PDB file of all heavy atoms in Angstrom:
ATOM      1  N   LEU A   1      79.051 138.697  26.060  1.00  0.00           N
ATOM      2  CA  LEU A   1      79.698 139.174  27.271  1.00  0.00           C
ATOM      3  C   LEU A   1      78.853 138.782  28.487  1.00  0.00           C
ATOM      4  O   LEU A   1      77.645 139.045  28.539  1.00  0.00           O
ATOM      5  CB  LEU A   1      79.892 140.686  27.240  1.00  0.00           C
ATOM      6  CG  LEU A   1      80.909 141.205  26.228  1.00  0.00           C
ATOM      7  CD1 LEU A   1      80.892 142.733  26.180  1.00  0.00           C
ATOM      8  CD2 LEU A   1      82.318 140.694  26.540  1.00  0.00           C
ATOM      9  N   THR A   2      79.480 138.146  29.449  1.00  0.00           N
ATOM     10  CA  THR A   2      78.825 137.734  30.685  1.00  0.00           C
ATOM     11  C   THR A   2      79.625 138.279  31.884  1.00  0.00           C
ATOM     12  O   THR A   2      80.715 138.826  31.724  1.00  0.00           O
ATOM     13  CB  THR A   2      78.742 136.221  30.781  1.00  0.00           C
ATOM     14  OG1 THR A   2      80.085 135.673  30.902  1.00  0.00           O
ATOM     15  CG2 THR A   2      78.058 135.643  29.546  1.00  0.00           C
ATOM     16  N   GLU A   3      79.089 138.070  33.082  1.00  0.00           N
ATOM     17  CA  GLU A   3      79.822 138.486  34.285  1.00  0.00           C
ATOM     18  C   GLU A   3      81.155 137.761  34.371  1.00  0.00           C
ATOM     19  O   GLU A   3      82.137 138.310  34.860  1.00  0.00           O
ATOM     20  CB  GLU A   3      78.976 138.221  35.511  1.00  0.00           C
ATOM     21  CG  GLU A   3      77.759 139.104  35.667  1.00  0.00           C
ATOM     22  CD  GLU A   3      77.007 138.846  36.956  1.00  0.00           C
ATOM     23  OE1 GLU A   3      77.467 138.015  37.739  1.00  0.00           O
ATOM     24  OE2 GLU A   3      75.943 139.474  37.173  1.00  0.00           O
ATOM     25  N   ASP A   4      81.207 136.526  33.903  1.00  0.00           N
ATOM     26  CA  ASP A   4      82.430 135.724  34.027  1.00  0.00           C
ATOM     27  C   ASP A   4      83.533 136.175  33.078  1.00  0.00           C
ATOM     28  O   ASP A   4      84.713 136.093  33.430  1.00  0.00           O
ATOM     29  CB  ASP A   4      82.107 134.240  33.777  1.00  0.00           C
ATOM     30  CG  ASP A   4      81.209 133.652  34.844  1.00  0.00           C
ATOM     31  OD1 ASP A   4      81.251 134.163  35.991  1.00  0.00           O
ATOM     32  OD2 ASP A   4      80.466 132.699  34.548  1.00  0.00           O
ATOM     33  N   ASN A   5      83.140 136.625  31.866  1.00  0.00           N
ATOM     34  CA  ASN A   5      84.193 136.937  30.882  1.00  0.00           C
ATOM     35  C   ASN A   5      84.335 138.388  30.561  1.00  0.00           C
ATOM     36  O   ASN A   5      85.156 138.800  29.736  1.00  0.00           O
ATOM     37  CB  ASN A   5      83.962 136.156  29.592  1.00  0.00           C
ATOM     38  CG  ASN A   5      82.729 136.649  28.795  1.00  0.00           C
ATOM     39  OD1 ASN A   5      82.100 137.646  29.150  1.00  0.00           O
ATOM     40  ND2 ASN A   5      82.393 135.956  27.746  1.00  0.00           N
ATOM     41  N   PHE A   6      83.527 139.243  31.235  1.00  0.00           N
ATOM     42  CA  PHE A   6      83.483 140.659  30.833  1.00  0.00           C
ATOM     43  C   PHE A   6      84.845 141.340  30.903  1.00  0.00           C
ATOM     44  O   PHE A   6      85.200 142.121  30.022  1.00  0.00           O
ATOM     45  CB  PHE A   6      82.488 141.428  31.718  1.00  0.00           C
ATOM     46  CG  PHE A   6      82.194 142.809  31.225  1.00  0.00           C
ATOM     47  CD1 PHE A   6      81.196 143.029  30.270  1.00  0.00           C
ATOM     48  CD2 PHE A   6      82.893 143.910  31.674  1.00  0.00           C
ATOM     49  CE1 PHE A   6      80.913 144.298  29.794  1.00  0.00           C
ATOM     50  CE2 PHE A   6      82.633 145.188  31.214  1.00  0.00           C
ATOM     51  CZ  PHE A   6      81.656 145.373  30.281  1.00  0.00           C
ATOM     52  N   ASN A   7      85.628 141.045  31.924  1.00  0.00           N
ATOM     53  CA  ASN A   7      86.922 141.674  32.082  1.00  0.00           C
ATOM     54  C   ASN A   7      88.052 140.952  31.371  1.00  0.00           C
ATOM     55  O   ASN A   7      89.181 141.412  31.371  1.00  0.00           O
ATOM     56  CB  ASN A   7      87.255 141.797  33.581  1.00  0.00           C
ATOM     57  CG  ASN A   7      86.315 142.749  34.308  1.00  0.00           C
ATOM     58  OD1 ASN A   7      85.944 143.766  33.764  1.00  0.00           O
ATOM     59  ND2 ASN A   7      85.930 142.376  35.518  1.00  0.00           N
ATOM     60  N   LYS A   8      87.724 139.812  30.756  1.00  0.00           N
ATOM     61  CA  LYS A   8      88.734 139.012  30.092  1.00  0.00           C
ATOM     62  C   LYS A   8      88.626 139.048  28.582  1.00  0.00           C
ATOM     63  O   LYS A   8      89.591 138.797  27.864  1.00  0.00           O
ATOM     64  CB  LYS A   8      88.643 137.560  30.547  1.00  0.00           C
ATOM     65  CG  LYS A   8      88.784 137.389  32.076  1.00  0.00           C
ATOM     66  CD  LYS A   8      88.546 135.930  32.457  1.00  0.00           C
ATOM     67  CE  LYS A   8      88.548 135.766  33.959  1.00  0.00           C
ATOM     68  NZ  LYS A   8      88.265 134.350  34.352  1.00  0.00           N
ATOM     69  N   ALA A   9      87.414 139.318  28.076  1.00  0.00           N
ATOM     70  CA  ALA A   9      87.159 139.214  26.655  1.00  0.00           C
ATOM     71  C   ALA A   9      87.933 140.269  25.882  1.00  0.00           C
ATOM     72  O   ALA A   9      87.985 141.450  26.267  1.00  0.00           O
ATOM     73  CB  ALA A   9      85.677 139.341  26.359  1.00  0.00           C
ATOM     74  N   ASN A  10      88.534 139.853  24.790  1.00  0.00           N
ATOM     75  CA  ASN A  10      89.214 140.777  23.895  1.00  0.00           C
ATOM     76  C   ASN A  10      88.300 141.210  22.760  1.00  0.00           C
ATOM     77  O   ASN A  10      87.208 140.674  22.599  1.00  0.00           O
ATOM     78  CB  ASN A  10      90.478 140.116  23.318  1.00  0.00           C
ATOM     79  CG  ASN A  10      91.495 139.791  24.389  1.00  0.00           C
ATOM     80  OD1 ASN A  10      91.725 140.587  25.302  1.00  0.00           O
ATOM     81  ND2 ASN A  10      92.109 138.613  24.299  1.00  0.00           N
ATOM     82  N   GLY A  11      88.734 142.126  21.957  1.00  0.00           N
ATOM     83  CA  GLY A  11      87.940 142.546  20.823  1.00  0.00           C
ATOM     84  C   GLY A  11      87.120 143.797  21.101  1.00  0.00           C
ATOM     85  O   GLY A  11      87.101 144.329  22.203  1.00  0.00           O
ATOM     86  N   ILE A  12      86.439 144.244  20.085  1.00  0.00           N
ATOM     87  CA  ILE A  12      85.584 145.431  20.159  1.00  0.00           C
ATOM     88  C   ILE A  12      84.315 145.026  20.896  1.00  0.00           C
ATOM     89  O   ILE A  12      83.709 143.965  20.654  1.00  0.00           O
ATOM     90  CB  ILE A  12      85.250 145.965  18.777  1.00  0.00           C
ATOM     91  CG1 ILE A  12      86.538 146.369  18.078  1.00  0.00           C
ATOM     92  CG2 ILE A  12      84.291 147.133  18.842  1.00  0.00           C
ATOM     93  CD1 ILE A  12      86.331 146.757  16.608  1.00  0.00           C
ATOM     94  N   ARG A  13      83.834 145.867  21.768  1.00  0.00           N
ATOM     95  CA  ARG A  13      82.611 145.588  22.548  1.00  0.00           C
ATOM     96  C   ARG A  13      81.454 146.400  21.998  1.00  0.00           C
ATOM     97  O   ARG A  13      81.575 147.610  21.781  1.00  0.00           O
ATOM     98  CB  ARG A  13      82.840 145.919  24.020  1.00  0.00           C
ATOM     99  CG  ARG A  13      83.946 145.072  24.629  1.00  0.00           C
ATOM    100  CD  ARG A  13      84.113 145.295  26.082  1.00  0.00           C
ATOM    101  NE  ARG A  13      85.197 144.484  26.639  1.00  0.00           N
ATOM    102  CZ  ARG A  13      85.278 144.079  27.876  1.00  0.00           C
ATOM    103  NH1 ARG A  13      84.355 144.430  28.729  1.00  0.00           N
ATOM    104  NH2 ARG A  13      86.296 143.335  28.249  1.00  0.00           N
ATOM    105  N   MET A  14      80.375 145.708  21.759  1.00  0.00           N
ATOM    106  CA  MET A  14      79.181 146.371  21.211  1.00  0.00           C
ATOM    107  C   MET A  14      77.952 145.558  21.530  1.00  0.00           C
ATOM    108  O   MET A  14      78.012 144.343  21.775  1.00  0.00           O
ATOM    109  CB  MET A  14      79.324 146.529  19.682  1.00  0.00           C
ATOM    110  CG  MET A  14      79.352 145.232  18.929  1.00  0.00           C
ATOM    111  SD  MET A  14      79.458 145.445  17.122  1.00  0.00           S
ATOM    112  CE  MET A  14      81.106 146.136  16.973  1.00  0.00           C
ATOM    113  N   SER A  15      76.829 146.193  21.536  1.00  0.00           N
ATOM    114  CA  SER A  15      75.563 145.492  21.598  1.00  0.00           C
ATOM    115  C   SER A  15      75.128 145.127  20.197  1.00  0.00           C
ATOM    116  O   SER A  15      75.645 145.659  19.184  1.00  0.00           O
ATOM    117  CB  SER A  15      74.479 146.364  22.247  1.00  0.00           C
ATOM    118  OG  SER A  15      74.091 147.422  21.382  1.00  0.00           O
ATOM    119  N   VAL A  16      74.148 144.233  20.068  1.00  0.00           N
ATOM    120  CA  VAL A  16      73.429 144.001  18.833  1.00  0.00           C
ATOM    121  C   VAL A  16      71.966 144.235  19.186  1.00  0.00           C
ATOM    122  O   VAL A  16      71.370 143.490  19.978  1.00  0.00           O
ATOM    123  CB  VAL A  16      73.660 142.594  18.271  1.00  0.00           C
ATOM    124  CG1 VAL A  16      72.813 142.392  17.012  1.00  0.00           C
ATOM    125  CG2 VAL A  16      75.154 142.390  17.960  1.00  0.00           C
ATOM    126  N   GLN A  17      71.391 145.269  18.601  1.00  0.00           N
ATOM    127  CA  GLN A  17      70.080 145.729  19.064  1.00  0.00           C
ATOM    128  C   GLN A  17      69.214 146.230  17.883  1.00  0.00           C
ATOM    129  O   GLN A  17      69.171 147.430  17.595  1.00  0.00           O
ATOM    130  CB  GLN A  17      70.280 146.885  20.068  1.00  0.00           C
ATOM    131  CG  GLN A  17      69.021 147.389  20.719  1.00  0.00           C
ATOM    132  CD  GLN A  17      69.345 148.240  21.926  1.00  0.00           C
ATOM    133  OE1 GLN A  17      69.043 147.852  23.026  1.00  0.00           O
ATOM    134  NE2 GLN A  17      69.966 149.407  21.745  1.00  0.00           N
ATOM    135  N   PRO A  18      68.544 145.313  17.200  1.00  0.00           N
ATOM    136  CA  PRO A  18      67.546 145.741  16.203  1.00  0.00           C
ATOM    137  C   PRO A  18      66.377 146.449  16.916  1.00  0.00           C
ATOM    138  O   PRO A  18      66.247 146.423  18.143  1.00  0.00           O
ATOM    139  CB  PRO A  18      67.088 144.441  15.561  1.00  0.00           C
ATOM    140  CG  PRO A  18      68.145 143.426  15.905  1.00  0.00           C
ATOM    141  CD  PRO A  18      68.687 143.855  17.245  1.00  0.00           C
ATOM    142  N   PHE A  19      65.544 147.068  16.100  1.00  0.00           N
ATOM    143  CA  PHE A  19      64.380 147.752  16.667  1.00  0.00           C
ATOM    144  C   PHE A  19      63.123 147.374  15.886  1.00  0.00           C
ATOM    145  O   PHE A  19      63.163 147.177  14.676  1.00  0.00           O
ATOM    146  CB  PHE A  19      64.568 149.282  16.549  1.00  0.00           C
ATOM    147  CG  PHE A  19      65.600 149.804  17.497  1.00  0.00           C
ATOM    148  CD1 PHE A  19      66.940 149.865  17.111  1.00  0.00           C
ATOM    149  CD2 PHE A  19      65.258 150.275  18.751  1.00  0.00           C
ATOM    150  CE1 PHE A  19      67.912 150.345  17.982  1.00  0.00           C
ATOM    151  CE2 PHE A  19      66.212 150.761  19.635  1.00  0.00           C
ATOM    152  CZ  PHE A  19      67.549 150.803  19.251  1.00  0.00           C
ATOM    153  N   LEU A  20      62.026 147.282  16.621  1.00  0.00           N
ATOM    154  CA  LEU A  20      60.702 147.170  16.012  1.00  0.00           C
ATOM    155  C   LEU A  20      59.971 148.456  16.274  1.00  0.00           C
ATOM    156  O   LEU A  20      59.911 148.933  17.408  1.00  0.00           O
ATOM    157  CB  LEU A  20      59.939 146.013  16.636  1.00  0.00           C
ATOM    158  CG  LEU A  20      58.462 145.867  16.222  1.00  0.00           C
ATOM    159  CD1 LEU A  20      58.327 145.561  14.735  1.00  0.00           C
ATOM    160  CD2 LEU A  20      57.742 144.831  17.035  1.00  0.00           C
ATOM    161  N   ILE A  21      59.429 149.023  15.196  1.00  0.00           N
ATOM    162  CA  ILE A  21      58.622 150.232  15.330  1.00  0.00           C
ATOM    163  C   ILE A  21      57.209 149.879  14.848  1.00  0.00           C
ATOM    164  O   ILE A  21      57.018 149.412  13.740  1.00  0.00           O
ATOM    165  CB  ILE A  21      59.187 151.398  14.511  1.00  0.00           C
ATOM    166  CG1 ILE A  21      60.574 151.765  15.050  1.00  0.00           C
ATOM    167  CG2 ILE A  21      58.262 152.591  14.521  1.00  0.00           C
ATOM    168  CD1 ILE A  21      61.194 152.988  14.429  1.00  0.00           C
ATOM    169  N   ILE A  22      56.259 150.157  15.725  1.00  0.00           N
ATOM    170  CA  ILE A  22      54.852 149.893  15.412  1.00  0.00           C
ATOM    171  C   ILE A  22      54.151 151.209  15.120  1.00  0.00           C
ATOM    172  O   ILE A  22      54.164 152.126  15.959  1.00  0.00           O
ATOM    173  CB  ILE A  22      54.164 149.159  16.558  1.00  0.00           C
ATOM    174  CG1 ILE A  22      54.891 147.849  16.887  1.00  0.00           C
ATOM    175  CG2 ILE A  22      52.690 148.874  16.228  1.00  0.00           C
ATOM    176  CD1 ILE A  22      54.343 147.141  18.126  1.00  0.00           C
ATOM    177  N   THR A  23      53.616 151.338  13.942  1.00  0.00           N
ATOM    178  CA  THR A  23      52.809 152.508  13.594  1.00  0.00           C
ATOM    179  C   THR A  23      51.353 152.030  13.364  1.00  0.00           C
ATOM    180  O   THR A  23      51.041 150.862  13.500  1.00  0.00           O
ATOM    181  CB  THR A  23      53.328 153.176  12.310  1.00  0.00           C
ATOM    182  OG1 THR A  23      53.143 152.294  11.204  1.00  0.00           O
ATOM    183  CG2 THR A  23      54.821 153.478  12.432  1.00  0.00           C
ATOM    184  N   GLU A  24      50.507 152.980  13.016  1.00  0.00           N
ATOM    185  CA  GLU A  24      49.130 152.619  12.758  1.00  0.00           C
ATOM    186  C   GLU A  24      48.991 151.669  11.570  1.00  0.00           C
ATOM    187  O   GLU A  24      48.074 150.885  11.472  1.00  0.00           O
ATOM    188  CB  GLU A  24      48.279 153.874  12.528  1.00  0.00           C
ATOM    189  CG  GLU A  24      48.145 154.773  13.759  1.00  0.00           C
ATOM    190  CD  GLU A  24      47.348 156.016  13.474  1.00  0.00           C
ATOM    191  OE1 GLU A  24      46.850 156.148  12.341  1.00  0.00           O
ATOM    192  OE2 GLU A  24      47.210 156.863  14.398  1.00  0.00           O
ATOM    193  N   LYS A  25      49.967 151.741  10.632  1.00  0.00           N
ATOM    194  CA  LYS A  25      49.884 150.976   9.388  1.00  0.00           C
ATOM    195  C   LYS A  25      50.817 149.764   9.347  1.00  0.00           C
ATOM    196  O   LYS A  25      50.557 148.822   8.598  1.00  0.00           O
ATOM    197  CB  LYS A  25      50.187 151.856   8.198  1.00  0.00           C
ATOM    198  CG  LYS A  25      49.186 152.993   8.010  1.00  0.00           C
ATOM    199  CD  LYS A  25      49.565 153.857   6.801  1.00  0.00           C
ATOM    200  CE  LYS A  25      48.581 155.013   6.607  1.00  0.00           C
ATOM    201  NZ  LYS A  25      48.958 155.871   5.445  1.00  0.00           N
ATOM    202  N   ASP A  26      51.938 149.786  10.094  1.00  0.00           N
ATOM    203  CA  ASP A  26      52.987 148.792   9.911  1.00  0.00           C
ATOM    204  C   ASP A  26      53.624 148.338  11.196  1.00  0.00           C
ATOM    205  O   ASP A  26      53.639 149.064  12.187  1.00  0.00           O
ATOM    206  CB  ASP A  26      54.093 149.370   9.014  1.00  0.00           C
ATOM    207  CG  ASP A  26      53.727 149.356   7.521  1.00  0.00           C
ATOM    208  OD1 ASP A  26      53.473 148.264   6.986  1.00  0.00           O
ATOM    209  OD2 ASP A  26      53.689 150.444   6.924  1.00  0.00           O
ATOM    210  N   TYR A  27      54.217 147.132  11.115  1.00  0.00           N
ATOM    211  CA  TYR A  27      55.166 146.628  12.100  1.00  0.00           C
ATOM    212  C   TYR A  27      56.512 146.572  11.374  1.00  0.00           C
ATOM    213  O   TYR A  27      56.701 145.708  10.511  1.00  0.00           O
ATOM    214  CB  TYR A  27      54.752 145.254  12.599  1.00  0.00           C
ATOM    215  CG  TYR A  27      53.600 145.242  13.589  1.00  0.00           C
ATOM    216  CD1 TYR A  27      52.325 145.623  13.206  1.00  0.00           C
ATOM    217  CD2 TYR A  27      53.804 144.815  14.918  1.00  0.00           C
ATOM    218  CE1 TYR A  27      51.261 145.605  14.116  1.00  0.00           C
ATOM    219  CE2 TYR A  27      52.747 144.782  15.805  1.00  0.00           C
ATOM    220  CZ  TYR A  27      51.488 145.198  15.395  1.00  0.00           C
ATOM    221  OH  TYR A  27      50.432 145.178  16.298  1.00  0.00           O
ATOM    222  N   ILE A  28      57.430 147.452  11.742  1.00  0.00           N
ATOM    223  CA  ILE A  28      58.645 147.677  10.956  1.00  0.00           C
ATOM    224  C   ILE A  28      59.864 147.222  11.755  1.00  0.00           C
ATOM    225  O   ILE A  28      60.123 147.733  12.844  1.00  0.00           O
ATOM    226  CB  ILE A  28      58.793 149.163  10.588  1.00  0.00           C
ATOM    227  CG1 ILE A  28      57.543 149.673   9.867  1.00  0.00           C
ATOM    228  CG2 ILE A  28      60.039 149.400   9.772  1.00  0.00           C
ATOM    229  CD1 ILE A  28      57.409 151.182   9.930  1.00  0.00           C
TER     230      ILE A  28
END
């Protein structure tokens, strides 16, 4: 989705957003 197509695009709208969690032992 961009400024140009935001109001024109069909379909379900969603982000794709994985996460990185850093702990003392791991990068997850």
